[in-house]
Amino acid sequence: MDIGCQCYHKQASSIVTAAFLFPVGWDNDWFNLFVAGISANSCCHVELVFEDDMAFSIFSQSNLFFRRRSFANPQYRLVSLSVTPEQYSKAYRFCADAVRHDIAFNEMGIYTAYMQPCPMFYTGSSQEEGMTFCSKIVTEALQAAGIKEVDDLTPCTTTPSTLYTALSYSDRKIGHSLSFKREQLRTSGAL
């Protein structure tokens, strides 16, 4: 009796990681502590990280960046998602293209993200406005890639905490073990 062979081929996947900063201690920047203090999850910053360690985001009083980072700071928590190669490529291209524009940090934008229940201020894209904040630009990158976890988010009202919640409950989340984080710290020279 021939029962046949059903072979299942899992589609190759890639990983994108959101690195969230949870500042602790008074030696942190006042702005980070302020944002974390008004946040539901106590995080103040997010960066989008790719498999080649390229990180995409913006810091207070700086311009958009897309460069290698190690995340040796133990105050970062990583949320990684398994995505399709197409989604990965779209997100990567968005970041590489966005950094070519002169996009500055929008301090009022992050404040209003916490205060506006519906989009009223800074509703244009980061590239249109020439200014942004970390969770807005990372949300735009994930939406450009078609990442379903952020479909319902409005970038100008998305705080790091809101994005953390959206990604943390994903069924595509990949856990990082303590040994993974320890290896990152060892590789960076922090241990």
C-alpha atoms as a PDB file:
ATOM      1  CA  MET A   1       0.000   0.000   0.000  1.00  0.00           C
ATOM      2  CA  ASP A   2       1.466   3.306  -1.105  1.00  0.00           C
ATOM      3  CA  ILE A   3       0.668   6.010   1.432  1.00  0.00           C
ATOM      4  CA  GLY A   4       2.615   8.567  -0.522  1.00  0.00           C
ATOM      5  CA  CYS A   5       4.989  11.145   0.812  1.00  0.00           C
ATOM      6  CA  GLN A   6       3.815  14.589   1.690  1.00  0.00           C
ATOM      7  CA  CYS A   7       6.791  16.818   1.988  1.00  0.00           C
ATOM      8  CA  TYR A   8       6.410  20.196   3.591  1.00  0.00           C
ATOM      9  CA  HIS A   9       8.942  22.798   2.696  1.00  0.00           C
ATOM     10  CA  LYS A  10       9.123  25.649   5.123  1.00  0.00           C
ATOM     11  CA  GLN A  11       9.661  28.921   3.347  1.00  0.00           C
ATOM     12  CA  ALA A  12      12.997  30.470   4.239  1.00  0.00           C
ATOM     13  CA  SER A  13      12.593  33.214   6.779  1.00  0.00           C
ATOM     14  CA  SER A  14      14.575  36.174   7.959  1.00  0.00           C
ATOM     15  CA  ILE A  15      14.650  37.974  11.279  1.00  0.00           C
ATOM     16  CA  VAL A  16      14.089  41.617  12.121  1.00  0.00           C
ATOM     17  CA  THR A  17      14.596  42.764  15.677  1.00  0.00           C
ATOM     18  CA  ALA A  18      13.247  45.747  17.532  1.00  0.00           C
ATOM     19  CA  ALA A  19      15.628  46.806  20.299  1.00  0.00           C
ATOM     20  CA  PHE A  20      13.814  48.692  23.063  1.00  0.00           C
ATOM     21  CA  LEU A  21      15.637  50.758  25.674  1.00  0.00           C
ATOM     22  CA  PHE A  22      14.361  50.479  29.253  1.00  0.00           C
ATOM     23  CA  PRO A  23      16.477  53.054  31.136  1.00  0.00           C
ATOM     24  CA  VAL A  24      17.255  52.435  34.794  1.00  0.00           C
ATOM     25  CA  GLY A  25      19.078  54.722  37.174  1.00  0.00           C
ATOM     26  CA  TRP A  26      19.529  58.432  37.387  1.00  0.00           C
ATOM     27  CA  ASP A  27      22.723  58.351  35.318  1.00  0.00           C
ATOM     28  CA  ASN A  28      20.577  58.087  32.179  1.00  0.00           C
ATOM     29  CA  ASP A  29      19.720  61.069  30.001  1.00  0.00           C
ATOM     30  CA  TRP A  30      16.842  63.113  31.471  1.00  0.00           C
ATOM     31  CA  PHE A  31      14.881  62.885  28.219  1.00  0.00           C
ATOM     32  CA  ASN A  32      15.049  59.070  28.234  1.00  0.00           C
ATOM     33  CA  LEU A  33      13.923  58.956  31.867  1.00  0.00           C
ATOM     34  CA  PHE A  34      11.072  61.381  31.160  1.00  0.00           C
ATOM     35  CA  VAL A  35       9.775  59.394  28.180  1.00  0.00           C
ATOM     36  CA  ALA A  36      10.110  56.101  30.069  1.00  0.00           C
ATOM     37  CA  GLY A  37       8.351  57.645  33.060  1.00  0.00           C
ATOM     38  CA  ILE A  38       5.217  58.493  31.086  1.00  0.00           C
ATOM     39  CA  SER A  39       5.284  55.206  29.200  1.00  0.00           C
ATOM     40  CA  ALA A  40       3.047  52.238  30.011  1.00  0.00           C
ATOM     41  CA  ASN A  41       5.986  49.823  29.559  1.00  0.00           C
ATOM     42  CA  SER A  42       8.776  52.094  30.849  1.00  0.00           C
ATOM     43  CA  CYS A  43      10.664  52.062  27.549  1.00  0.00           C
ATOM     44  CA  CYS A  44      11.891  55.229  25.907  1.00  0.00           C
ATOM     45  CA  HIS A  45      13.549  54.301  22.614  1.00  0.00           C
ATOM     46  CA  VAL A  46      13.424  51.749  19.801  1.00  0.00           C
ATOM     47  CA  GLU A  47      15.735  50.751  16.958  1.00  0.00           C
ATOM     48  CA  LEU A  48      15.132  48.350  14.091  1.00  0.00           C
ATOM     49  CA  VAL A  49      17.980  45.838  13.790  1.00  0.00           C
ATOM     50  CA  PHE A  50      18.773  43.547  10.872  1.00  0.00           C
ATOM     51  CA  GLU A  51      20.674  40.262  10.630  1.00  0.00           C
ATOM     52  CA  ASP A  52      23.870  42.082   9.606  1.00  0.00           C
ATOM     53  CA  ASP A  53      23.706  44.179  12.837  1.00  0.00           C
ATOM     54  CA  MET A  54      22.656  47.314  10.959  1.00  0.00           C
ATOM     55  CA  ALA A  55      20.432  49.406  13.220  1.00  0.00           C
ATOM     56  CA  PHE A  56      17.977  52.071  12.097  1.00  0.00           C
ATOM     57  CA  SER A  57      16.543  54.850  14.252  1.00  0.00           C
ATOM     58  CA  ILE A  58      17.095  58.362  15.528  1.00  0.00           C
ATOM     59  CA  PHE A  59      18.284  59.769  18.861  1.00  0.00           C
ATOM     60  CA  SER A  60      17.207  62.979  20.526  1.00  0.00           C
ATOM     61  CA  GLN A  61      18.936  66.018  19.017  1.00  0.00           C
ATOM     62  CA  SER A  62      20.411  64.044  16.098  1.00  0.00           C
ATOM     63  CA  ASN A  63      19.668  62.884  12.578  1.00  0.00           C
ATOM     64  CA  LEU A  64      18.390  59.552  11.341  1.00  0.00           C
ATOM     65  CA  PHE A  65      20.996  56.785  11.247  1.00  0.00           C
ATOM     66  CA  PHE A  66      21.463  53.329   9.708  1.00  0.00           C
ATOM     67  CA  ARG A  67      24.701  51.817  11.033  1.00  0.00           C
ATOM     68  CA  ARG A  68      26.153  48.827  12.844  1.00  0.00           C
ATOM     69  CA  ARG A  69      25.376  48.611  16.563  1.00  0.00           C
ATOM     70  CA  SER A  70      26.053  45.958  19.187  1.00  0.00           C
ATOM     71  CA  PHE A  71      23.350  46.563  21.833  1.00  0.00           C
ATOM     72  CA  ALA A  72      25.784  45.644  24.579  1.00  0.00           C
ATOM     73  CA  ASN A  73      23.858  47.918  26.941  1.00  0.00           C
ATOM     74  CA  PRO A  74      21.932  45.507  29.184  1.00  0.00           C
ATOM     75  CA  GLN A  75      19.060  47.994  29.358  1.00  0.00           C
ATOM     76  CA  TYR A  76      17.970  46.996  25.837  1.00  0.00           C
ATOM     77  CA  ARG A  77      15.314  44.309  25.415  1.00  0.00           C
ATOM     78  CA  LEU A  78      15.118  42.593  22.047  1.00  0.00           C
ATOM     79  CA  VAL A  79      11.912  41.574  20.305  1.00  0.00           C
ATOM     80  CA  SER A  80      12.649  39.566  17.164  1.00  0.00           C
ATOM     81  CA  LEU A  81      10.152  38.534  14.516  1.00  0.00           C
ATOM     82  CA  SER A  82      10.407  35.882  11.854  1.00  0.00           C
ATOM     83  CA  VAL A  83       9.545  37.569   8.562  1.00  0.00           C
ATOM     84  CA  THR A  84       9.602  36.599   4.914  1.00  0.00           C
ATOM     85  CA  PRO A  85      12.683  37.455   2.860  1.00  0.00           C
ATOM     86  CA  GLU A  86      10.504  39.914   0.907  1.00  0.00           C
ATOM     87  CA  GLN A  87       9.412  41.708   4.095  1.00  0.00           C
ATOM     88  CA  TYR A  88      13.005  41.797   5.294  1.00  0.00           C
ATOM     89  CA  SER A  89      14.184  43.302   1.994  1.00  0.00           C
ATOM     90  CA  LYS A  90      11.410  45.905   1.973  1.00  0.00           C
ATOM     91  CA  ALA A  91      12.237  47.005   5.519  1.00  0.00           C
ATOM     92  CA  TYR A  92      15.966  47.148   4.751  1.00  0.00           C
ATOM     93  CA  ARG A  93      15.386  49.169   1.565  1.00  0.00           C
ATOM     94  CA  PHE A  94      13.087  51.586   3.429  1.00  0.00           C
ATOM     95  CA  CYS A  95      15.813  52.220   6.014  1.00  0.00           C
ATOM     96  CA  ALA A  96      18.594  52.612   3.440  1.00  0.00           C
ATOM     97  CA  ASP A  97      16.458  55.066   1.455  1.00  0.00           C
ATOM     98  CA  ALA A  98      15.203  57.062   4.452  1.00  0.00           C
ATOM     99  CA  VAL A  99      18.701  57.702   5.809  1.00  0.00           C
ATOM    100  CA  ARG A 100      19.606  59.425   2.526  1.00  0.00           C
ATOM    101  CA  HIS A 101      17.179  62.206   3.441  1.00  0.00           C
ATOM    102  CA  ASP A 102      18.054  64.905   5.930  1.00  0.00           C
ATOM    103  CA  ILE A 103      15.629  63.805   8.662  1.00  0.00           C
ATOM    104  CA  ALA A 104      16.100  65.410  12.076  1.00  0.00           C
ATOM    105  CA  PHE A 105      14.718  64.515  15.483  1.00  0.00           C
ATOM    106  CA  ASN A 106      11.248  65.898  16.264  1.00  0.00           C
ATOM    107  CA  GLU A 107      11.100  66.471  20.019  1.00  0.00           C
ATOM    108  CA  MET A 108       7.585  67.916  19.888  1.00  0.00           C
ATOM    109  CA  GLY A 109       6.516  64.905  17.838  1.00  0.00           C
ATOM    110  CA  ILE A 110       7.318  62.419  20.601  1.00  0.00           C
ATOM    111  CA  TYR A 111       5.588  64.634  23.188  1.00  0.00           C
ATOM    112  CA  THR A 112       2.446  64.920  21.071  1.00  0.00           C
ATOM    113  CA  ALA A 113       2.467  61.164  20.392  1.00  0.00           C
ATOM    114  CA  TYR A 114       1.730  60.701  24.091  1.00  0.00           C
ATOM    115  CA  MET A 115      -0.901  63.443  24.191  1.00  0.00           C
ATOM    116  CA  GLN A 116      -2.994  62.982  21.064  1.00  0.00           C
ATOM    117  CA  PRO A 117      -5.712  60.337  21.159  1.00  0.00           C
ATOM    118  CA  CYS A 118      -6.203  60.724  17.429  1.00  0.00           C
ATOM    119  CA  PRO A 119      -3.694  61.959  14.854  1.00  0.00           C
ATOM    120  CA  MET A 120      -3.685  65.748  14.814  1.00  0.00           C
ATOM    121  CA  PHE A 121      -0.038  66.836  14.666  1.00  0.00           C
ATOM    122  CA  TYR A 122       2.888  65.713  12.536  1.00  0.00           C
ATOM    123  CA  THR A 123       0.646  63.359  10.568  1.00  0.00           C
ATOM    124  CA  GLY A 124       2.769  63.355   7.409  1.00  0.00           C
ATOM    125  CA  SER A 125       5.447  60.759   6.810  1.00  0.00           C
ATOM    126  CA  SER A 126       8.885  61.351   8.289  1.00  0.00           C
ATOM    127  CA  GLN A 127      10.336  61.909   4.825  1.00  0.00           C
ATOM    128  CA  GLU A 128       7.627  64.459   3.952  1.00  0.00           C
ATOM    129  CA  GLU A 129       8.154  66.372   7.174  1.00  0.00           C
ATOM    130  CA  GLY A 130      11.933  66.064   7.324  1.00  0.00           C
ATOM    131  CA  MET A 131      11.714  65.202  11.020  1.00  0.00           C
ATOM    132  CA  THR A 132      10.705  62.234  13.111  1.00  0.00           C
ATOM    133  CA  PHE A 133      11.140  60.332  16.365  1.00  0.00           C
ATOM    134  CA  CYS A 134      12.292  56.763  16.891  1.00  0.00           C
ATOM    135  CA  SER A 135       9.002  54.866  17.170  1.00  0.00           C
ATOM    136  CA  LYS A 136       7.403  56.798  14.306  1.00  0.00           C
ATOM    137  CA  ILE A 137      10.162  56.008  11.788  1.00  0.00           C
ATOM    138  CA  VAL A 138      10.501  52.380  12.930  1.00  0.00           C
ATOM    139  CA  THR A 139       6.730  51.924  12.601  1.00  0.00           C
ATOM    140  CA  GLU A 140       6.880  53.418   9.096  1.00  0.00           C
ATOM    141  CA  ALA A 141       9.666  50.983   8.159  1.00  0.00           C
ATOM    142  CA  LEU A 142       7.702  47.996   9.460  1.00  0.00           C
ATOM    143  CA  GLN A 143       4.536  49.152   7.692  1.00  0.00           C
ATOM    144  CA  ALA A 144       6.445  49.632   4.428  1.00  0.00           C
ATOM    145  CA  ALA A 145       7.562  46.009   4.773  1.00  0.00           C
ATOM    146  CA  GLY A 146       4.013  44.762   5.326  1.00  0.00           C
ATOM    147  CA  ILE A 147       4.567  43.574   8.900  1.00  0.00           C
ATOM    148  CA  LYS A 148       1.019  42.785  10.074  1.00  0.00           C
ATOM    149  CA  GLU A 149       1.721  43.505  13.755  1.00  0.00           C
ATOM    150  CA  VAL A 150       1.848  47.244  13.020  1.00  0.00           C
ATOM    151  CA  ASP A 151      -1.016  47.461  10.511  1.00  0.00           C
ATOM    152  CA  ASP A 152      -3.316  49.214  12.969  1.00  0.00           C
ATOM    153  CA  LEU A 153      -0.754  51.665  14.332  1.00  0.00           C
ATOM    154  CA  THR A 154      -0.685  55.313  13.327  1.00  0.00           C
ATOM    155  CA  PRO A 155       2.996  56.272  13.179  1.00  0.00           C
ATOM    156  CA  CYS A 156       2.590  59.809  14.569  1.00  0.00           C
ATOM    157  CA  THR A 157       0.830  58.478  17.684  1.00  0.00           C
ATOM    158  CA  THR A 158       2.998  55.378  18.135  1.00  0.00           C
ATOM    159  CA  THR A 159       5.229  55.595  21.176  1.00  0.00           C
ATOM    160  CA  PRO A 160       8.052  53.148  21.907  1.00  0.00           C
ATOM    161  CA  SER A 161       5.745  51.569  24.499  1.00  0.00           C
ATOM    162  CA  THR A 162       2.898  51.152  22.003  1.00  0.00           C
ATOM    163  CA  LEU A 163       5.243  49.499  19.509  1.00  0.00           C
ATOM    164  CA  TYR A 164       6.699  47.251  22.215  1.00  0.00           C
ATOM    165  CA  THR A 165       3.201  46.009  23.073  1.00  0.00           C
ATOM    166  CA  ALA A 166       2.296  45.446  19.413  1.00  0.00           C
ATOM    167  CA  LEU A 167       5.401  43.379  18.685  1.00  0.00           C
ATOM    168  CA  SER A 168       5.681  41.543  22.008  1.00  0.00           C
ATOM    169  CA  TYR A 169       2.427  39.669  21.525  1.00  0.00           C
ATOM    170  CA  SER A 170       3.157  38.538  17.977  1.00  0.00           C
ATOM    171  CA  ASP A 171       2.816  34.871  17.111  1.00  0.00           C
ATOM    172  CA  ARG A 172       5.958  35.323  14.971  1.00  0.00           C
ATOM    173  CA  LYS A 173       8.094  36.418  17.922  1.00  0.00           C
ATOM    174  CA  ILE A 174      11.349  34.542  18.335  1.00  0.00           C
ATOM    175  CA  GLY A 175      12.701  34.306  21.863  1.00  0.00           C
ATOM    176  CA  HIS A 176      16.236  35.279  22.693  1.00  0.00           C
ATOM    177  CA  SER A 177      17.745  33.278  25.484  1.00  0.00           C
ATOM    178  CA  LEU A 178      19.882  34.679  28.236  1.00  0.00           C
ATOM    179  CA  SER A 179      22.839  32.904  26.635  1.00  0.00           C
ATOM    180  CA  PHE A 180      22.156  34.819  23.387  1.00  0.00           C
ATOM    181  CA  LYS A 181      22.264  38.148  25.216  1.00  0.00           C
ATOM    182  CA  ARG A 182      25.340  37.046  27.193  1.00  0.00           C
ATOM    183  CA  GLU A 183      27.095  36.142  23.923  1.00  0.00           C
ATOM    184  CA  GLN A 184      26.242  39.588  22.541  1.00  0.00           C
ATOM    185  CA  LEU A 185      27.761  41.208  25.626  1.00  0.00           C
ATOM    186  CA  ARG A 186      30.869  38.984  25.397  1.00  0.00           C
ATOM    187  CA  THR A 187      31.332  39.711  21.683  1.00  0.00           C
ATOM    188  CA  SER A 188      31.076  43.453  22.265  1.00  0.00           C
ATOM    189  CA  GLY A 189      33.657  43.304  25.056  1.00  0.00           C
ATOM    190  CA  ALA A 190      31.227  44.288  27.796  1.00  0.00           C
ATOM    191  CA  LEU A 191      31.853  40.992  29.648  1.00  0.00           C
END
